[in-house]
Amino acid sequence: FLTAAHINRKLYFGKNKEFFFAINKLTFSDTHLYPEFTLGYSSLIKDDKFLKSIFKTGRTLKKTYQGKPLIEYTPLFRQHYRPAIHNDKNYVILSSQSNNVKEYISAKNGNKPVISDTNAYKKLKTYRSAPHHVIINVKQLINSIRNFYYFGAHHSKKYSSKTIEKDVMTLFAPFKSYKRIHIAFGKNEFKTGKLVLTD
């Protein structure tokens, strides 16, 4: 992928290994299914080559949000994504939608809760310092599953919205009382990770 994008991994990323990938949600729009996602990574070069290797973009719009630089890209004709990028000192935050980058900036400025503020993080106790975390927003997960089935129903015609809600989505009813699933793992002193559910 990086070779096709003409990105030299060593020059672009150096020895840095810090990286995060967040699936924000799945959106069903105009008969298509679109995964919304955010990437964060260390880079020695602050440009948009990596972003443009993922998205087809239109005009570049340089803005500021809460005092921080933000670059948005207009979608091309009939393109769903409106990507954005933010250079945060040693990090680059890239997302399929500019609102996700704005949420990161807001959290960084202390105007929005972050992971360490959640009850799930507190319940992890010694696992809080684990290098790997998988955090699932239950409401978004359920909505994304629903959109996935609606996408399938639109193309296969084998089941309807009524059967999706009655036969499929009812299976997830027990999880609706929870807000977040948080899994932490990778600590050397513990062979297994820890999972917590919070309401």
Protein backbone atom coordinates (compact mmCIF):
# COMPACT_ATOMS: atom_id res chain seq x y z
CA PHE A 1 0.00 0.00 0.00
CA LEU A 2 2.75 2.46 0.96
CA THR A 3 4.75 1.54 -2.13
CA ALA A 4 1.76 2.22 -4.37
CA ALA A 5 1.34 5.60 -2.62
CA HIS A 6 5.04 6.38 -3.25
CA ILE A 7 5.68 6.72 0.48
CA ASN A 8 9.08 5.73 1.83
CA ARG A 9 8.23 4.13 5.17
CA LYS A 10 11.59 4.88 6.79
CA LEU A 11 11.65 8.50 5.73
CA TYR A 12 7.97 9.07 6.47
CA PHE A 13 7.54 7.26 9.79
CA GLY A 14 11.14 6.74 10.97
CA LYS A 15 11.44 4.38 13.93
CA ASN A 16 8.15 5.48 15.45
CA LYS A 17 5.63 2.70 16.13
CA GLU A 18 2.83 4.71 17.73
CA PHE A 19 -0.40 4.17 15.82
CA PHE A 20 -4.12 4.06 16.52
CA PHE A 21 -7.07 3.11 14.39
CA ALA A 22 -10.66 3.91 15.37
CA ILE A 23 -13.78 2.74 13.56
CA ASN A 24 -16.24 5.50 14.37
CA LYS A 25 -19.31 3.92 12.76
CA LEU A 26 -20.80 2.37 9.64
CA THR A 27 -23.07 4.64 7.64
CA PHE A 28 -25.65 3.36 5.17
CA SER A 29 -26.23 6.09 2.59
CA ASP A 30 -27.50 6.07 -0.98
CA THR A 31 -27.50 2.23 -1.12
CA HIS A 32 -23.85 2.06 -0.03
CA LEU A 33 -22.14 1.17 3.23
CA TYR A 34 -19.41 3.54 4.37
CA PRO A 35 -17.06 2.87 7.30
CA GLU A 36 -16.18 6.06 9.16
CA PHE A 37 -12.72 5.88 10.71
CA THR A 38 -9.87 7.86 12.26
CA LEU A 39 -6.12 7.22 12.14
CA GLY A 40 -3.43 8.61 14.40
CA TYR A 41 0.27 8.09 13.79
CA SER A 42 3.73 9.55 14.31
CA SER A 43 5.35 10.97 11.21
CA LEU A 44 8.56 12.81 10.47
CA ILE A 45 6.89 14.48 7.49
CA LYS A 46 3.81 16.65 7.90
CA ASP A 47 1.96 16.45 4.59
CA ASP A 48 -1.24 14.94 3.19
CA LYS A 49 0.29 12.27 0.94
CA PHE A 50 -0.94 9.47 3.22
CA LEU A 51 -4.46 10.95 3.32
CA LYS A 52 -4.59 11.31 -0.44
CA SER A 53 -3.47 7.71 -0.87
CA ILE A 54 -6.71 6.70 0.89
CA PHE A 55 -9.24 9.29 -0.32
CA LYS A 56 -10.03 11.02 -3.58
CA THR A 57 -10.17 14.69 -2.62
CA GLY A 58 -11.32 17.96 -4.07
CA ARG A 59 -10.37 21.43 -2.88
CA THR A 60 -8.13 21.95 0.17
CA LEU A 61 -9.62 24.16 2.90
CA LYS A 62 -7.18 25.39 5.55
CA LYS A 63 -9.00 26.28 8.77
CA THR A 64 -8.56 26.51 12.53
CA TYR A 65 -10.72 24.84 15.15
CA GLN A 66 -10.44 25.89 18.79
CA GLY A 67 -7.15 27.54 17.95
CA LYS A 68 -5.65 24.46 16.27
CA PRO A 69 -4.84 23.98 12.57
CA LEU A 70 -7.29 21.85 10.61
CA ILE A 71 -7.25 21.01 6.92
CA GLU A 72 -10.48 19.80 5.31
CA TYR A 73 -10.91 18.40 1.82
CA THR A 74 -14.06 18.81 -0.20
CA PRO A 75 -15.44 15.58 -1.67
CA LEU A 76 -15.33 14.98 -5.38
CA PHE A 77 -18.56 14.43 -7.29
CA ARG A 78 -20.76 11.90 -5.45
CA GLN A 79 -18.00 11.07 -2.97
CA HIS A 80 -19.33 10.37 0.53
CA TYR A 81 -16.23 11.15 2.55
CA ARG A 82 -15.15 14.64 3.61
CA PRO A 83 -11.71 13.85 5.06
CA ALA A 84 -9.63 16.09 7.28
CA ILE A 85 -6.17 16.13 8.82
CA HIS A 86 -4.61 17.77 11.87
CA ASN A 87 -0.91 17.94 12.74
CA ASP A 88 -0.51 17.74 16.50
CA LYS A 89 3.21 18.24 17.30
CA ASN A 90 4.62 14.72 16.78
CA TYR A 91 1.30 13.20 15.74
CA VAL A 92 -0.90 13.32 12.69
CA ILE A 93 -4.65 12.80 13.09
CA LEU A 94 -6.46 11.80 9.90
CA SER A 95 -10.13 10.95 9.51
CA SER A 96 -12.75 10.15 6.91
CA GLN A 97 -14.92 12.98 8.28
CA SER A 98 -13.80 16.34 9.64
CA ASN A 99 -16.11 16.09 12.68
CA ASN A 100 -14.00 13.23 14.05
CA VAL A 101 -10.85 15.37 13.88
CA LYS A 102 -12.72 18.22 15.58
CA GLU A 103 -13.68 15.87 18.41
CA TYR A 104 -10.02 14.94 18.87
CA ILE A 105 -9.00 18.61 19.03
CA SER A 106 -11.80 19.34 21.48
CA ALA A 107 -10.68 16.47 23.72
CA LYS A 108 -7.05 17.57 23.48
CA ASN A 109 -8.06 21.07 24.59
CA GLY A 110 -9.92 19.65 27.59
CA ASN A 111 -13.38 20.49 26.23
CA LYS A 112 -14.50 16.88 25.75
CA PRO A 113 -14.04 13.76 27.93
CA VAL A 114 -11.23 11.40 26.97
CA ILE A 115 -10.79 7.66 27.51
CA SER A 116 -9.01 8.10 30.84
CA ASP A 117 -12.08 9.93 32.18
CA THR A 118 -14.43 6.99 31.66
CA ASN A 119 -15.60 4.52 34.30
CA ALA A 120 -14.26 1.68 32.13
CA TYR A 121 -10.75 3.06 32.34
CA LYS A 122 -10.98 3.35 36.12
CA LYS A 123 -12.25 -0.23 36.45
CA LEU A 124 -9.26 -1.58 34.53
CA LYS A 125 -7.05 -0.77 37.53
CA THR A 126 -3.55 -2.16 36.83
CA TYR A 127 -4.49 -2.79 33.20
CA ARG A 128 -4.83 0.96 32.57
CA SER A 129 -1.18 1.05 31.56
CA ALA A 130 -1.54 -1.81 29.06
CA PRO A 131 -0.14 -0.89 25.62
CA HIS A 132 -3.16 -2.15 23.67
CA HIS A 133 -6.76 -1.04 24.14
CA VAL A 134 -9.90 -1.97 22.22
CA ILE A 135 -12.79 0.34 23.07
CA ILE A 136 -16.26 -0.29 21.67
CA ASN A 137 -19.10 2.22 21.82
CA VAL A 138 -22.06 -0.13 22.23
CA LYS A 139 -24.68 2.23 20.77
CA GLN A 140 -22.58 2.91 17.69
CA LEU A 141 -21.81 -0.80 17.33
CA ILE A 142 -25.50 -1.74 17.37
CA ASN A 143 -26.35 1.03 14.89
CA SER A 144 -23.51 -0.11 12.62
CA ILE A 145 -24.75 -3.71 12.70
CA ARG A 146 -28.22 -2.46 11.80
CA ASN A 147 -26.83 -0.46 8.87
CA PHE A 148 -24.87 -3.50 7.72
CA TYR A 149 -28.03 -5.62 7.61
CA TYR A 150 -29.98 -2.86 5.86
CA PHE A 151 -27.23 -2.72 3.27
CA GLY A 152 -27.48 -6.49 2.78
CA ALA A 153 -31.27 -6.36 2.59
CA HIS A 154 -31.14 -3.68 -0.09
CA HIS A 155 -28.99 -5.84 -2.34
CA SER A 156 -30.30 -9.34 -1.66
CA LYS A 157 -34.04 -8.65 -1.15
CA LYS A 158 -34.19 -11.84 0.97
CA TYR A 159 -35.23 -10.04 4.13
CA SER A 160 -36.92 -6.77 4.99
CA SER A 161 -36.46 -4.00 7.54
CA LYS A 162 -39.20 -5.64 9.60
CA THR A 163 -37.36 -8.97 9.85
CA ILE A 164 -34.10 -7.15 10.65
CA GLU A 165 -35.65 -5.35 13.60
CA LYS A 166 -37.62 -8.38 14.80
CA ASP A 167 -35.23 -11.29 14.19
CA VAL A 168 -31.77 -9.73 14.31
CA MET A 169 -31.67 -6.56 16.36
CA THR A 170 -33.58 -8.10 19.27
CA LEU A 171 -30.50 -10.30 19.86
CA PHE A 172 -28.60 -7.19 20.93
CA ALA A 173 -31.25 -5.97 23.38
CA PRO A 174 -29.30 -7.21 26.47
CA PHE A 175 -26.39 -4.92 25.52
CA LYS A 176 -28.45 -1.75 25.22
CA SER A 177 -28.04 -1.00 28.91
CA TYR A 178 -24.26 -0.75 28.43
CA LYS A 179 -22.41 2.24 27.06
CA ARG A 180 -18.91 0.93 26.45
CA ILE A 181 -16.90 -2.28 26.14
CA HIS A 182 -13.24 -1.76 27.02
CA ILE A 183 -10.58 -4.44 26.51
CA ALA A 184 -6.98 -3.89 27.61
CA PHE A 185 -4.14 -6.33 26.95
CA GLY A 186 -0.42 -6.66 26.26
CA LYS A 187 1.07 -6.20 29.72
CA ASN A 188 4.11 -8.43 30.14
CA GLU A 189 3.23 -9.50 33.68
CA PHE A 190 -0.25 -10.70 32.68
CA LYS A 191 -0.82 -13.39 30.05
CA THR A 192 -4.46 -12.50 29.61
CA GLY A 193 -6.14 -9.16 29.16
CA LYS A 194 -9.12 -7.67 30.94
CA LEU A 195 -12.59 -6.78 29.69
CA VAL A 196 -15.00 -4.42 31.42
CA LEU A 197 -18.54 -3.30 30.59
CA THR A 198 -19.87 0.06 31.79
CA ASP A 199 -23.34 1.60 31.75
